[in-house]
Amino acid sequence: MAAFDTSDEQADATNTSQTSVRRFTVLTVNTHKGFAALNRRFILPELREAVRGVGADVVFLQEVHGTHEHHPRRYSNWPSMPQYEFLADSLWPQFAYGRNAVYPAGDHGNALLSKFQIIRHDNLDVSISGHESRGVLHCVLRLPGEGQLVHAMCVHLGLHQAHRDEQLQLLTKRLQALPADARVIVAGDFNDWRQRADALLQPLGLREVFREHHGQSARSFPARLPLLRLDRIYVRNLKAHRPQVLAARPWSHLSDHVPLSVEIEL
């Protein structure tokens, strides 16, 4: 596995021409490729309005289409641009895409939308050969003002426990390669209904924000009646405030997962 080069980040880490940002809001949502649960409706325009309404500064997206050959002919409101660009619209000037799954009709993966500069990004392939394609999109954000750096990792892990165990090991190797004082957010769809991720990530200094505030991870799946704790937000060297599960309408009808949000303080 290739290391994530951080050698030139500190040289670019100063930008004092803008007001410093010490707090910002994070949102994570599995977009289900723009469809409601059971793929009955294409709801990406409604999802965009809901995401905009949260006012998050950084948005972690899983299962977002880059391209698809057939859907534009079937759905009149299919966007002419990649889904992550459509969702970014005019609110998030910076975005990155990590293509995980490629098939004859198109591709999908993880994306990150940011109101802050993305100075680097890298997609870590954590797919298990012969099974579903998965990835970790690793971005480095530079916040305005003092130029503080934050590592943002958007995660989508597999459906099988054995696969998740291997994928979590790859994630921990990436985390171990970062400086001990690096500010880190790891968020997304862990599919970790057995809640084993904490045991691997806690020794690396990561804290799950819902467990920290409420004693257990958030229920996020299925969206209509969340029972399983699949989605997570972990932080390191950062403070977390007011973690929320966005389970009411319209969110309960916009995907098969409900989103999670939290306010982050440097």
C-alpha atoms as a PDB file:
ATOM      1  CA  MET A   1       0.000   0.000   0.000  1.00  0.00           C
ATOM      2  CA  ALA A   2       1.411   3.363  -1.019  1.00  0.00           C
ATOM      3  CA  ALA A   3       1.962   5.848   1.786  1.00  0.00           C
ATOM      4  CA  PHE A   4       0.122   9.161   1.729  1.00  0.00           C
ATOM      5  CA  ASP A   5       2.881  11.743   1.247  1.00  0.00           C
ATOM      6  CA  THR A   6       2.613  14.602   3.735  1.00  0.00           C
ATOM      7  CA  SER A   7       6.094  16.031   3.172  1.00  0.00           C
ATOM      8  CA  ASP A   8       4.969  19.213   1.403  1.00  0.00           C
ATOM      9  CA  GLU A   9       1.845  19.992   3.410  1.00  0.00           C
ATOM     10  CA  GLN A  10       3.450  22.168   6.055  1.00  0.00           C
ATOM     11  CA  ALA A  11       5.018  24.365   3.388  1.00  0.00           C
ATOM     12  CA  ASP A  12       1.524  25.166   2.096  1.00  0.00           C
ATOM     13  CA  ALA A  13      -0.125  25.397   5.489  1.00  0.00           C
ATOM     14  CA  THR A  14      -0.118  29.190   5.953  1.00  0.00           C
ATOM     15  CA  ASN A  15      -2.861  31.409   4.579  1.00  0.00           C
ATOM     16  CA  THR A  16      -3.430  34.373   6.830  1.00  0.00           C
ATOM     17  CA  SER A  17      -5.423  36.505   4.355  1.00  0.00           C
ATOM     18  CA  GLN A  18      -8.770  35.077   5.497  1.00  0.00           C
ATOM     19  CA  THR A  19     -10.591  34.931   8.812  1.00  0.00           C
ATOM     20  CA  SER A  20      -9.542  31.902  10.810  1.00  0.00           C
ATOM     21  CA  VAL A  21     -12.015  29.032  11.089  1.00  0.00           C
ATOM     22  CA  ARG A  22     -12.047  27.250  14.437  1.00  0.00           C
ATOM     23  CA  ARG A  23     -15.417  25.476  14.145  1.00  0.00           C
ATOM     24  CA  PHE A  24     -17.147  23.803  11.239  1.00  0.00           C
ATOM     25  CA  THR A  25     -19.917  21.300  10.576  1.00  0.00           C
ATOM     26  CA  VAL A  26     -19.540  17.853   9.043  1.00  0.00           C
ATOM     27  CA  LEU A  27     -22.258  15.776   7.380  1.00  0.00           C
ATOM     28  CA  THR A  28     -21.983  12.167   6.189  1.00  0.00           C
ATOM     29  CA  VAL A  29     -24.596  10.456   4.017  1.00  0.00           C
ATOM     30  CA  ASN A  30     -24.798   7.328   1.873  1.00  0.00           C
ATOM     31  CA  THR A  31     -26.603   8.712  -1.195  1.00  0.00           C
ATOM     32  CA  HIS A  32     -27.699   5.288  -2.498  1.00  0.00           C
ATOM     33  CA  LYS A  33     -26.662   6.501  -5.983  1.00  0.00           C
ATOM     34  CA  GLY A  34     -29.399   9.114  -5.915  1.00  0.00           C
ATOM     35  CA  PHE A  35     -32.302   6.735  -5.375  1.00  0.00           C
ATOM     36  CA  ALA A  36     -34.749   6.246  -2.524  1.00  0.00           C
ATOM     37  CA  ALA A  37     -34.806   2.938  -0.653  1.00  0.00           C
ATOM     38  CA  LEU A  38     -35.492  -0.080  -2.890  1.00  0.00           C
ATOM     39  CA  ASN A  39     -34.565   2.104  -5.903  1.00  0.00           C
ATOM     40  CA  ARG A  40     -38.191   3.122  -6.415  1.00  0.00           C
ATOM     41  CA  ARG A  41     -37.569   6.824  -7.079  1.00  0.00           C
ATOM     42  CA  PHE A  42     -34.726   8.954  -8.372  1.00  0.00           C
ATOM     43  CA  ILE A  43     -34.462  11.638  -5.711  1.00  0.00           C
ATOM     44  CA  LEU A  44     -31.070  13.298  -6.236  1.00  0.00           C
ATOM     45  CA  PRO A  45     -32.540  16.822  -6.746  1.00  0.00           C
ATOM     46  CA  GLU A  46     -34.473  16.475  -3.467  1.00  0.00           C
ATOM     47  CA  LEU A  47     -31.360  15.137  -1.758  1.00  0.00           C
ATOM     48  CA  ARG A  48     -29.384  18.149  -2.950  1.00  0.00           C
ATOM     49  CA  GLU A  49     -31.894  20.542  -1.404  1.00  0.00           C
ATOM     50  CA  ALA A  50     -31.817  18.621   1.878  1.00  0.00           C
ATOM     51  CA  VAL A  51     -28.005  18.622   1.980  1.00  0.00           C
ATOM     52  CA  ARG A  52     -27.940  22.347   1.225  1.00  0.00           C
ATOM     53  CA  GLY A  53     -30.383  22.942   4.067  1.00  0.00           C
ATOM     54  CA  VAL A  54     -28.006  21.499   6.664  1.00  0.00           C
ATOM     55  CA  GLY A  55     -25.379  24.140   5.916  1.00  0.00           C
ATOM     56  CA  ALA A  56     -22.485  21.727   6.474  1.00  0.00           C
ATOM     57  CA  ASP A  57     -18.990  22.897   5.613  1.00  0.00           C
ATOM     58  CA  VAL A  58     -17.678  19.426   4.724  1.00  0.00           C
ATOM     59  CA  VAL A  59     -19.864  16.649   3.304  1.00  0.00           C
ATOM     60  CA  PHE A  60     -18.802  12.997   3.160  1.00  0.00           C
ATOM     61  CA  LEU A  61     -20.688  11.067   0.447  1.00  0.00           C
ATOM     62  CA  GLN A  62     -20.805   7.342  -0.191  1.00  0.00           C
ATOM     63  CA  GLU A  63     -22.324   5.499  -3.164  1.00  0.00           C
ATOM     64  CA  VAL A  64     -22.299   8.485  -5.487  1.00  0.00           C
ATOM     65  CA  HIS A  65     -22.239   8.095  -9.284  1.00  0.00           C
ATOM     66  CA  GLY A  66     -19.446   9.537 -11.351  1.00  0.00           C
ATOM     67  CA  THR A  67     -20.968   8.421 -14.652  1.00  0.00           C
ATOM     68  CA  HIS A  68     -23.792   6.204 -15.856  1.00  0.00           C
ATOM     69  CA  GLU A  69     -24.597   5.510 -19.488  1.00  0.00           C
ATOM     70  CA  HIS A  70     -28.224   4.365 -19.242  1.00  0.00           C
ATOM     71  CA  HIS A  71     -29.810   6.407 -16.446  1.00  0.00           C
ATOM     72  CA  PRO A  72     -29.865   9.755 -18.343  1.00  0.00           C
ATOM     73  CA  ARG A  73     -32.123   8.157 -20.953  1.00  0.00           C
ATOM     74  CA  ARG A  74     -34.464   6.777 -18.319  1.00  0.00           C
ATOM     75  CA  TYR A  75     -34.716   9.733 -15.902  1.00  0.00           C
ATOM     76  CA  SER A  76     -35.453  13.155 -17.359  1.00  0.00           C
ATOM     77  CA  ASN A  77     -33.977  14.933 -14.328  1.00  0.00           C
ATOM     78  CA  TRP A  78     -30.679  13.026 -14.358  1.00  0.00           C
ATOM     79  CA  PRO A  79     -27.920  15.678 -14.108  1.00  0.00           C
ATOM     80  CA  SER A  80     -25.591  16.338 -17.022  1.00  0.00           C
ATOM     81  CA  MET A  81     -22.600  16.311 -14.648  1.00  0.00           C
ATOM     82  CA  PRO A  82     -21.290  13.764 -12.108  1.00  0.00           C
ATOM     83  CA  GLN A  83     -23.564  13.418  -9.105  1.00  0.00           C
ATOM     84  CA  TYR A  84     -20.987  14.841  -6.700  1.00  0.00           C
ATOM     85  CA  GLU A  85     -20.662  18.003  -8.828  1.00  0.00           C
ATOM     86  CA  PHE A  86     -24.444  18.319  -8.974  1.00  0.00           C
ATOM     87  CA  LEU A  87     -24.624  18.025  -5.182  1.00  0.00           C
ATOM     88  CA  ALA A  88     -21.763  20.488  -4.699  1.00  0.00           C
ATOM     89  CA  ASP A  89     -23.631  23.083  -6.809  1.00  0.00           C
ATOM     90  CA  SER A  90     -22.488  26.587  -5.825  1.00  0.00           C
ATOM     91  CA  LEU A  91     -22.081  25.937  -2.081  1.00  0.00           C
ATOM     92  CA  TRP A  92     -19.023  23.688  -2.029  1.00  0.00           C
ATOM     93  CA  PRO A  93     -16.379  25.041  -4.416  1.00  0.00           C
ATOM     94  CA  GLN A  94     -14.001  22.183  -3.630  1.00  0.00           C
ATOM     95  CA  PHE A  95     -14.751  18.504  -4.210  1.00  0.00           C
ATOM     96  CA  ALA A  96     -12.913  15.228  -4.718  1.00  0.00           C
ATOM     97  CA  TYR A  97     -14.084  11.877  -6.031  1.00  0.00           C
ATOM     98  CA  GLY A  98     -12.733   8.398  -5.363  1.00  0.00           C
ATOM     99  CA  ARG A  99     -13.955   5.934  -7.983  1.00  0.00           C
ATOM    100  CA  ASN A 100     -14.428   2.538  -6.350  1.00  0.00           C
ATOM    101  CA  ALA A 101     -16.652   0.446  -8.623  1.00  0.00           C
ATOM    102  CA  VAL A 102     -16.352   0.432 -12.418  1.00  0.00           C
ATOM    103  CA  TYR A 103     -18.777  -1.466 -14.666  1.00  0.00           C
ATOM    104  CA  PRO A 104     -19.838  -1.300 -18.331  1.00  0.00           C
ATOM    105  CA  ALA A 105     -22.536   1.334 -17.711  1.00  0.00           C
ATOM    106  CA  GLY A 106     -20.540   3.620 -15.428  1.00  0.00           C
ATOM    107  CA  ASP A 107     -18.924   3.978 -12.017  1.00  0.00           C
ATOM    108  CA  HIS A 108     -19.578   5.011  -8.438  1.00  0.00           C
ATOM    109  CA  GLY A 109     -17.575   5.672  -5.300  1.00  0.00           C
ATOM    110  CA  ASN A 110     -17.002   8.116  -2.443  1.00  0.00           C
ATOM    111  CA  ALA A 111     -16.848  11.897  -2.689  1.00  0.00           C
ATOM    112  CA  LEU A 112     -16.048  14.808  -0.435  1.00  0.00           C
ATOM    113  CA  LEU A 113     -17.532  18.303  -0.795  1.00  0.00           C
ATOM    114  CA  SER A 114     -15.743  21.117   1.008  1.00  0.00           C
ATOM    115  CA  LYS A 115     -16.052  24.845   1.572  1.00  0.00           C
ATOM    116  CA  PHE A 116     -12.343  24.709   2.440  1.00  0.00           C
ATOM    117  CA  GLN A 117      -9.426  24.117   0.119  1.00  0.00           C
ATOM    118  CA  ILE A 118      -8.608  20.475  -0.645  1.00  0.00           C
ATOM    119  CA  ILE A 119      -4.840  20.569  -1.046  1.00  0.00           C
ATOM    120  CA  ARG A 120      -4.417  16.832  -1.660  1.00  0.00           C
ATOM    121  CA  HIS A 121      -6.558  13.776  -2.180  1.00  0.00           C
ATOM    122  CA  ASP A 122      -5.934  10.105  -2.703  1.00  0.00           C
ATOM    123  CA  ASN A 123      -8.264   7.124  -3.084  1.00  0.00           C
ATOM    124  CA  LEU A 124      -7.199   4.045  -1.124  1.00  0.00           C
ATOM    125  CA  ASP A 125      -8.529   0.867  -2.724  1.00  0.00           C
ATOM    126  CA  VAL A 126      -9.646  -1.487   0.054  1.00  0.00           C
ATOM    127  CA  SER A 127     -11.536  -3.883  -2.216  1.00  0.00           C
ATOM    128  CA  ILE A 128     -11.303  -7.602  -1.535  1.00  0.00           C
ATOM    129  CA  SER A 129     -10.540  -9.460  -4.756  1.00  0.00           C
ATOM    130  CA  GLY A 130     -13.637 -10.997  -6.307  1.00  0.00           C
ATOM    131  CA  HIS A 131     -16.077  -9.070  -4.108  1.00  0.00           C
ATOM    132  CA  GLU A 132     -17.670  -5.617  -3.974  1.00  0.00           C
ATOM    133  CA  SER A 133     -15.393  -2.676  -4.701  1.00  0.00           C
ATOM    134  CA  ARG A 134     -14.746  -0.410  -1.721  1.00  0.00           C
ATOM    135  CA  GLY A 135     -12.503   2.531  -0.956  1.00  0.00           C
ATOM    136  CA  VAL A 136     -11.328   5.214   1.451  1.00  0.00           C
ATOM    137  CA  LEU A 137     -11.093   8.706  -0.039  1.00  0.00           C
ATOM    138  CA  HIS A 138      -8.377  10.557   1.878  1.00  0.00           C
ATOM    139  CA  CYS A 139      -8.375  14.345   1.522  1.00  0.00           C
ATOM    140  CA  VAL A 140      -6.286  16.992   3.245  1.00  0.00           C
ATOM    141  CA  LEU A 141      -8.190  20.205   3.924  1.00  0.00           C
ATOM    142  CA  ARG A 142      -6.602  23.575   4.593  1.00  0.00           C
ATOM    143  CA  LEU A 143      -8.784  25.838   6.704  1.00  0.00           C
ATOM    144  CA  PRO A 144      -8.794  29.609   6.124  1.00  0.00           C
ATOM    145  CA  GLY A 145      -6.776  31.961   8.261  1.00  0.00           C
ATOM    146  CA  GLU A 146      -4.013  30.144  10.057  1.00  0.00           C
ATOM    147  CA  GLY A 147      -4.014  27.384   7.450  1.00  0.00           C
ATOM    148  CA  GLN A 148      -4.749  24.548   9.852  1.00  0.00           C
ATOM    149  CA  LEU A 149      -4.764  21.145   8.142  1.00  0.00           C
ATOM    150  CA  VAL A 150      -7.409  18.477   8.660  1.00  0.00           C
ATOM    151  CA  HIS A 151      -7.260  14.966   7.212  1.00  0.00           C
ATOM    152  CA  ALA A 152     -10.724  13.882   6.070  1.00  0.00           C
ATOM    153  CA  MET A 153     -11.250  10.212   5.205  1.00  0.00           C
ATOM    154  CA  CYS A 154     -14.524   9.161   3.584  1.00  0.00           C
ATOM    155  CA  VAL A 155     -15.122   5.446   4.181  1.00  0.00           C
ATOM    156  CA  HIS A 156     -17.331   2.768   2.644  1.00  0.00           C
ATOM    157  CA  LEU A 157     -16.606  -0.739   3.910  1.00  0.00           C
ATOM    158  CA  GLY A 158     -17.885  -4.140   2.821  1.00  0.00           C
ATOM    159  CA  LEU A 159     -20.947  -6.154   3.754  1.00  0.00           C
ATOM    160  CA  HIS A 160     -19.074  -9.192   5.112  1.00  0.00           C
ATOM    161  CA  GLN A 161     -17.305  -9.145   8.468  1.00  0.00           C
ATOM    162  CA  ALA A 162     -14.151 -10.849   7.168  1.00  0.00           C
ATOM    163  CA  HIS A 163     -13.869  -8.213   4.433  1.00  0.00           C
ATOM    164  CA  ARG A 164     -14.408  -5.362   6.889  1.00  0.00           C
ATOM    165  CA  ASP A 165     -11.689  -6.759   9.141  1.00  0.00           C
ATOM    166  CA  GLU A 166      -9.195  -6.625   6.267  1.00  0.00           C
ATOM    167  CA  GLN A 167     -10.398  -3.193   5.170  1.00  0.00           C
ATOM    168  CA  LEU A 168     -10.086  -1.806   8.680  1.00  0.00           C
ATOM    169  CA  GLN A 169      -6.513  -3.078   8.835  1.00  0.00           C
ATOM    170  CA  LEU A 170      -5.742  -1.133   5.638  1.00  0.00           C
ATOM    171  CA  LEU A 171      -7.390   1.942   7.134  1.00  0.00           C
ATOM    172  CA  THR A 172      -5.358   1.637  10.336  1.00  0.00           C
ATOM    173  CA  LYS A 173      -2.132   1.421   8.315  1.00  0.00           C
ATOM    174  CA  ARG A 174      -3.034   4.657   6.581  1.00  0.00           C
ATOM    175  CA  LEU A 175      -3.797   6.301   9.933  1.00  0.00           C
ATOM    176  CA  GLN A 176      -0.564   5.035  11.485  1.00  0.00           C
ATOM    177  CA  ALA A 177       1.381   6.704   8.663  1.00  0.00           C
ATOM    178  CA  LEU A 178       0.098  10.147   9.689  1.00  0.00           C
ATOM    179  CA  PRO A 179       1.857  12.308  12.281  1.00  0.00           C
ATOM    180  CA  ALA A 180       0.601  11.713  15.809  1.00  0.00           C
ATOM    181  CA  ASP A 181      -0.606  15.314  16.076  1.00  0.00           C
ATOM    182  CA  ALA A 182      -2.506  15.272  12.772  1.00  0.00           C
ATOM    183  CA  ARG A 183      -6.142  16.352  12.996  1.00  0.00           C
ATOM    184  CA  VAL A 184      -8.283  13.591  11.532  1.00  0.00           C
ATOM    185  CA  ILE A 185     -11.942  12.960  10.704  1.00  0.00           C
ATOM    186  CA  VAL A 186     -12.972   9.497   9.500  1.00  0.00           C
ATOM    187  CA  ALA A 187     -16.624   9.276   8.475  1.00  0.00           C
ATOM    188  CA  GLY A 188     -18.936   7.219   6.331  1.00  0.00           C
ATOM    189  CA  ASP A 189     -20.697   3.897   5.937  1.00  0.00           C
ATOM    190  CA  PHE A 190     -18.767   1.294   7.905  1.00  0.00           C
ATOM    191  CA  ASN A 191     -21.484  -1.396   7.566  1.00  0.00           C
ATOM    192  CA  ASP A 192     -20.249  -2.293  11.044  1.00  0.00           C
ATOM    193  CA  TRP A 193     -23.453  -3.615  12.574  1.00  0.00           C
ATOM    194  CA  ARG A 194     -21.396  -5.795  14.952  1.00  0.00           C
ATOM    195  CA  GLN A 195     -19.587  -2.652  16.188  1.00  0.00           C
ATOM    196  CA  ARG A 196     -16.048  -3.956  15.932  1.00  0.00           C
ATOM    197  CA  ALA A 197     -14.407  -0.895  14.385  1.00  0.00           C
ATOM    198  CA  ASP A 198     -13.945   0.935  17.702  1.00  0.00           C
ATOM    199  CA  ALA A 199     -11.575  -1.711  19.051  1.00  0.00           C
ATOM    200  CA  LEU A 200      -9.187  -1.098  16.139  1.00  0.00           C
ATOM    201  CA  LEU A 201      -9.507   2.665  15.893  1.00  0.00           C
ATOM    202  CA  GLN A 202      -9.494   3.679  19.566  1.00  0.00           C
ATOM    203  CA  PRO A 203      -5.818   2.678  20.111  1.00  0.00           C
ATOM    204  CA  LEU A 204      -4.969   5.118  17.311  1.00  0.00           C
ATOM    205  CA  GLY A 205      -6.619   7.963  19.222  1.00  0.00           C
ATOM    206  CA  LEU A 206      -9.881   8.061  17.269  1.00  0.00           C
ATOM    207  CA  ARG A 207     -13.128   8.700  19.149  1.00  0.00           C
ATOM    208  CA  GLU A 208     -16.561   7.978  17.735  1.00  0.00           C
ATOM    209  CA  VAL A 209     -18.557  11.159  18.319  1.00  0.00           C
ATOM    210  CA  PHE A 210     -21.932   9.552  19.081  1.00  0.00           C
ATOM    211  CA  ARG A 211     -20.402   7.003  21.438  1.00  0.00           C
ATOM    212  CA  GLU A 212     -18.496   9.801  23.167  1.00  0.00           C
ATOM    213  CA  HIS A 213     -21.636  11.905  23.696  1.00  0.00           C
ATOM    214  CA  HIS A 214     -24.407   9.308  23.960  1.00  0.00           C
ATOM    215  CA  GLY A 215     -22.642   6.091  24.996  1.00  0.00           C
ATOM    216  CA  GLN A 216     -23.235   4.246  21.719  1.00  0.00           C
ATOM    217  CA  SER A 217     -23.012   4.715  17.978  1.00  0.00           C
ATOM    218  CA  ALA A 218     -25.975   6.149  16.094  1.00  0.00           C
ATOM    219  CA  ARG A 219     -28.740   4.062  14.551  1.00  0.00           C
ATOM    220  CA  SER A 220     -28.731   4.945  10.850  1.00  0.00           C
ATOM    221  CA  PHE A 221     -30.220   2.042   8.848  1.00  0.00           C
ATOM    222  CA  PRO A 222     -32.778   1.469   7.425  1.00  0.00           C
ATOM    223  CA  ALA A 223     -33.822   5.069   6.942  1.00  0.00           C
ATOM    224  CA  ARG A 224     -37.552   4.565   7.561  1.00  0.00           C
ATOM    225  CA  LEU A 225     -36.925   2.905  10.939  1.00  0.00           C
ATOM    226  CA  PRO A 226     -33.232   3.077  11.897  1.00  0.00           C
ATOM    227  CA  LEU A 227     -32.181   0.014  13.877  1.00  0.00           C
ATOM    228  CA  LEU A 228     -28.611  -0.814  12.827  1.00  0.00           C
ATOM    229  CA  ARG A 229     -25.560   1.275  13.730  1.00  0.00           C
ATOM    230  CA  LEU A 230     -23.786   1.302  10.365  1.00  0.00           C
ATOM    231  CA  ASP A 231     -22.540   4.868   9.905  1.00  0.00           C
ATOM    232  CA  ARG A 232     -19.853   6.543  11.994  1.00  0.00           C
ATOM    233  CA  ILE A 233     -17.931   9.756  12.543  1.00  0.00           C
ATOM    234  CA  TYR A 234     -14.551   9.413  14.263  1.00  0.00           C
ATOM    235  CA  VAL A 235     -12.236  12.286  15.212  1.00  0.00           C
ATOM    236  CA  ARG A 236      -8.668  12.607  16.457  1.00  0.00           C
ATOM    237  CA  ASN A 237      -7.031  15.725  17.909  1.00  0.00           C
ATOM    238  CA  LEU A 238     -10.347  17.527  17.456  1.00  0.00           C
ATOM    239  CA  LYS A 239     -13.339  18.321  19.659  1.00  0.00           C
ATOM    240  CA  ALA A 240     -16.855  17.233  18.693  1.00  0.00           C
ATOM    241  CA  HIS A 241     -20.100  18.979  19.631  1.00  0.00           C
ATOM    242  CA  ARG A 242     -23.788  18.255  19.108  1.00  0.00           C
ATOM    243  CA  PRO A 243     -23.731  15.041  17.060  1.00  0.00           C
ATOM    244  CA  GLN A 244     -27.108  14.541  15.380  1.00  0.00           C
ATOM    245  CA  VAL A 245     -28.951  11.800  13.525  1.00  0.00           C
ATOM    246  CA  LEU A 246     -31.067  13.379  10.776  1.00  0.00           C
ATOM    247  CA  ALA A 247     -33.859  10.824  10.850  1.00  0.00           C
ATOM    248  CA  ALA A 248     -36.986  12.939  10.289  1.00  0.00           C
ATOM    249  CA  ARG A 249     -38.505  13.864   6.928  1.00  0.00           C
ATOM    250  CA  PRO A 250     -37.291  14.488   4.338  1.00  0.00           C
ATOM    251  CA  TRP A 251     -34.214  12.425   5.216  1.00  0.00           C
ATOM    252  CA  SER A 252     -36.160   9.275   6.045  1.00  0.00           C
ATOM    253  CA  HIS A 253     -37.317   9.149   2.402  1.00  0.00           C
ATOM    254  CA  LEU A 254     -34.131  10.192   0.580  1.00  0.00           C
ATOM    255  CA  SER A 255     -31.888   7.138   0.889  1.00  0.00           C
ATOM    256  CA  ASP A 256     -31.667   3.800   2.652  1.00  0.00           C
ATOM    257  CA  HIS A 257     -29.399   5.388   5.313  1.00  0.00           C
ATOM    258  CA  VAL A 258     -30.059   8.531   7.341  1.00  0.00           C
ATOM    259  CA  PRO A 259     -27.261  11.111   7.578  1.00  0.00           C
ATOM    260  CA  LEU A 260     -25.166  11.987  10.608  1.00  0.00           C
ATOM    261  CA  SER A 261     -23.817  15.427  11.434  1.00  0.00           C
ATOM    262  CA  VAL A 262     -21.528  16.934  14.043  1.00  0.00           C
ATOM    263  CA  GLU A 263     -19.860  20.242  14.815  1.00  0.00           C
ATOM    264  CA  ILE A 264     -16.067  20.079  14.896  1.00  0.00           C
ATOM    265  CA  GLU A 265     -13.793  22.382  16.894  1.00  0.00           C
ATOM    266  CA  LEU A 266     -10.050  22.672  16.404  1.00  0.00           C
END
